[in-house]
Amino acid sequence: MEKQVFISKLRKNLHGKVVTSVMDNVPYTIDVAPGLGLIRGVRGSTGNSFEIDINELLQAYNECERPFTTTKLREYITGRVFSPALAILIALDQAMETEQ
């Protein structure tokens, strides 16, 4: 998927919403900030904020074998944001399935 389409899908389906990790049921509030090249969010369990590089997330979305897992995402995502990245990618896949 092209970057602009990916960002558009993220904004349409996830911006301002809460996605939940399938691994530990932790909710993450998502803020898509394409001007900064980031997805920002807040972990519901701790209130701590996180940032994920949109380019890394896009590469994972395009190249990572499904089903997504945190282990597979370690090849694409830097920092300790594997669980929120996983929640975002799964939620995006589910949202796109319902669009079709």
C-alpha atoms as a PDB file:
ATOM      1  CA  MET A   1       0.000   0.000   0.000  1.00  0.00           C
ATOM      2  CA  GLU A   2       1.231   3.486  -0.799  1.00  0.00           C
ATOM      3  CA  LYS A   3       2.090   5.802   2.102  1.00  0.00           C
ATOM      4  CA  GLN A   4      -0.650   8.388   1.481  1.00  0.00           C
ATOM      5  CA  VAL A   5      -3.307   5.690   1.200  1.00  0.00           C
ATOM      6  CA  PHE A   6      -2.005   4.075   4.392  1.00  0.00           C
ATOM      7  CA  ILE A   7      -2.127   7.381   6.290  1.00  0.00           C
ATOM      8  CA  SER A   8      -5.616   8.059   4.952  1.00  0.00           C
ATOM      9  CA  LYS A   9      -6.820   4.631   6.129  1.00  0.00           C
ATOM     10  CA  LEU A  10      -5.220   5.154   9.549  1.00  0.00           C
ATOM     11  CA  ARG A  11      -6.865   8.568   9.957  1.00  0.00           C
ATOM     12  CA  LYS A  12     -10.261   7.376   8.749  1.00  0.00           C
ATOM     13  CA  ASN A  13     -10.386   4.197  10.803  1.00  0.00           C
ATOM     14  CA  LEU A  14      -8.247   4.742  13.913  1.00  0.00           C
ATOM     15  CA  HIS A  15      -7.598   8.445  14.623  1.00  0.00           C
ATOM     16  CA  GLY A  16      -9.023   9.369  18.019  1.00  0.00           C
ATOM     17  CA  LYS A  17     -10.182   5.831  18.671  1.00  0.00           C
ATOM     18  CA  VAL A  18      -9.188   3.233  21.211  1.00  0.00           C
ATOM     19  CA  VAL A  19      -7.711  -0.033  19.968  1.00  0.00           C
ATOM     20  CA  THR A  20      -7.069  -2.985  22.254  1.00  0.00           C
ATOM     21  CA  SER A  21      -4.092  -5.310  22.283  1.00  0.00           C
ATOM     22  CA  VAL A  22      -5.025  -8.914  21.607  1.00  0.00           C
ATOM     23  CA  MET A  23      -2.085 -10.016  23.742  1.00  0.00           C
ATOM     24  CA  ASP A  24      -2.952  -8.376  27.044  1.00  0.00           C
ATOM     25  CA  ASN A  25      -6.247  -6.482  26.559  1.00  0.00           C
ATOM     26  CA  VAL A  26      -4.498  -3.127  27.058  1.00  0.00           C
ATOM     27  CA  PRO A  27      -6.359  -0.257  25.382  1.00  0.00           C
ATOM     28  CA  TYR A  28      -4.403   2.302  23.351  1.00  0.00           C
ATOM     29  CA  THR A  29      -5.813   5.689  22.352  1.00  0.00           C
ATOM     30  CA  ILE A  30      -4.516   6.574  18.881  1.00  0.00           C
ATOM     31  CA  ASP A  31      -3.602   9.949  17.362  1.00  0.00           C
ATOM     32  CA  VAL A  32      -2.409   9.911  13.759  1.00  0.00           C
ATOM     33  CA  ALA A  33       0.033  12.808  13.216  1.00  0.00           C
ATOM     34  CA  PRO A  34       1.190  12.442   9.594  1.00  0.00           C
ATOM     35  CA  GLY A  35       2.787  15.894   9.552  1.00  0.00           C
ATOM     36  CA  LEU A  36       5.209  14.585  12.154  1.00  0.00           C
ATOM     37  CA  GLY A  37       5.491  11.157  10.533  1.00  0.00           C
ATOM     38  CA  LEU A  38       4.212   9.565  13.723  1.00  0.00           C
ATOM     39  CA  ILE A  39       1.402   7.711  15.314  1.00  0.00           C
ATOM     40  CA  ARG A  40       1.074   8.909  18.870  1.00  0.00           C
ATOM     41  CA  GLY A  41      -0.890   7.220  21.559  1.00  0.00           C
ATOM     42  CA  VAL A  42      -1.492   6.625  25.209  1.00  0.00           C
ATOM     43  CA  ARG A  43      -1.391   3.248  26.931  1.00  0.00           C
ATOM     44  CA  GLY A  44      -4.599   2.792  28.878  1.00  0.00           C
ATOM     45  CA  SER A  45      -2.934   0.608  31.490  1.00  0.00           C
ATOM     46  CA  THR A  46      -0.274   3.146  32.524  1.00  0.00           C
ATOM     47  CA  GLY A  47      -1.217   6.476  30.969  1.00  0.00           C
ATOM     48  CA  ASN A  48       2.234   6.552  29.345  1.00  0.00           C
ATOM     49  CA  SER A  49       2.487   8.009  25.861  1.00  0.00           C
ATOM     50  CA  PHE A  50       4.208   6.344  22.925  1.00  0.00           C
ATOM     51  CA  GLU A  51       5.208   7.183  19.360  1.00  0.00           C
ATOM     52  CA  ILE A  52       5.521   4.890  16.348  1.00  0.00           C
ATOM     53  CA  ASP A  53       7.177   5.934  13.107  1.00  0.00           C
ATOM     54  CA  ILE A  54       4.596   5.801  10.303  1.00  0.00           C
ATOM     55  CA  ASN A  55       7.220   4.575   7.812  1.00  0.00           C
ATOM     56  CA  GLU A  56       8.091   1.634  10.053  1.00  0.00           C
ATOM     57  CA  LEU A  57       4.425   0.800  10.544  1.00  0.00           C
ATOM     58  CA  LEU A  58       3.802   1.012   6.795  1.00  0.00           C
ATOM     59  CA  GLN A  59       6.743  -1.267   6.054  1.00  0.00           C
ATOM     60  CA  ALA A  60       5.455  -3.771   8.606  1.00  0.00           C
ATOM     61  CA  TYR A  61       1.960  -3.570   7.123  1.00  0.00           C
ATOM     62  CA  ASN A  62       3.272  -4.199   3.612  1.00  0.00           C
ATOM     63  CA  GLU A  63       5.946  -6.799   4.333  1.00  0.00           C
ATOM     64  CA  CYS A  64       5.118  -8.643   7.554  1.00  0.00           C
ATOM     65  CA  GLU A  65       3.572 -12.068   7.206  1.00  0.00           C
ATOM     66  CA  ARG A  66       0.034 -12.378   8.593  1.00  0.00           C
ATOM     67  CA  PRO A  67      -1.067 -12.993  11.242  1.00  0.00           C
ATOM     68  CA  PHE A  68       0.847 -10.153  12.853  1.00  0.00           C
ATOM     69  CA  THR A  69       2.695 -10.915  16.100  1.00  0.00           C
ATOM     70  CA  THR A  70       4.971  -8.807  18.275  1.00  0.00           C
ATOM     71  CA  THR A  71       7.832 -11.175  17.467  1.00  0.00           C
ATOM     72  CA  LYS A  72       7.419 -10.576  13.733  1.00  0.00           C
ATOM     73  CA  LEU A  73       7.062  -6.809  14.247  1.00  0.00           C
ATOM     74  CA  ARG A  74      10.476  -6.615  15.940  1.00  0.00           C
ATOM     75  CA  GLU A  75      12.000  -6.769  12.452  1.00  0.00           C
ATOM     76  CA  TYR A  76      10.228  -3.545  11.456  1.00  0.00           C
ATOM     77  CA  ILE A  77       9.444  -1.453  14.543  1.00  0.00           C
ATOM     78  CA  THR A  78      12.045   0.249  16.734  1.00  0.00           C
ATOM     79  CA  GLY A  79      11.584   1.045  20.401  1.00  0.00           C
ATOM     80  CA  ARG A  80       9.410  -0.710  22.922  1.00  0.00           C
ATOM     81  CA  VAL A  81       6.137  -0.200  21.065  1.00  0.00           C
ATOM     82  CA  PHE A  82       5.495  -3.658  19.668  1.00  0.00           C
ATOM     83  CA  SER A  83       2.174  -4.200  21.466  1.00  0.00           C
ATOM     84  CA  PRO A  84       0.599  -0.901  20.373  1.00  0.00           C
ATOM     85  CA  ALA A  85       1.928  -1.450  16.830  1.00  0.00           C
ATOM     86  CA  LEU A  86       0.337  -4.895  16.841  1.00  0.00           C
ATOM     87  CA  ALA A  87      -2.995  -3.499  18.094  1.00  0.00           C
ATOM     88  CA  ILE A  88      -2.939  -0.771  15.415  1.00  0.00           C
ATOM     89  CA  LEU A  89      -2.137  -3.140  12.532  1.00  0.00           C
ATOM     90  CA  ILE A  90      -4.759  -5.686  13.559  1.00  0.00           C
ATOM     91  CA  ALA A  91      -7.402  -2.967  14.009  1.00  0.00           C
ATOM     92  CA  LEU A  92      -6.519  -1.488  10.614  1.00  0.00           C
ATOM     93  CA  ASP A  93      -6.767  -4.893   8.916  1.00  0.00           C
ATOM     94  CA  GLN A  94     -10.161  -5.496  10.544  1.00  0.00           C
ATOM     95  CA  ALA A  95     -11.435  -2.050   9.554  1.00  0.00           C
ATOM     96  CA  MET A  96     -10.345  -2.544   5.963  1.00  0.00           C
ATOM     97  CA  GLU A  97     -12.057  -5.951   5.818  1.00  0.00           C
ATOM     98  CA  THR A  98     -15.353  -4.369   6.843  1.00  0.00           C
ATOM     99  CA  GLU A  99     -14.937  -1.655   4.168  1.00  0.00           C
ATOM    100  CA  GLN A 100     -15.019  -4.284   1.440  1.00  0.00           C
END
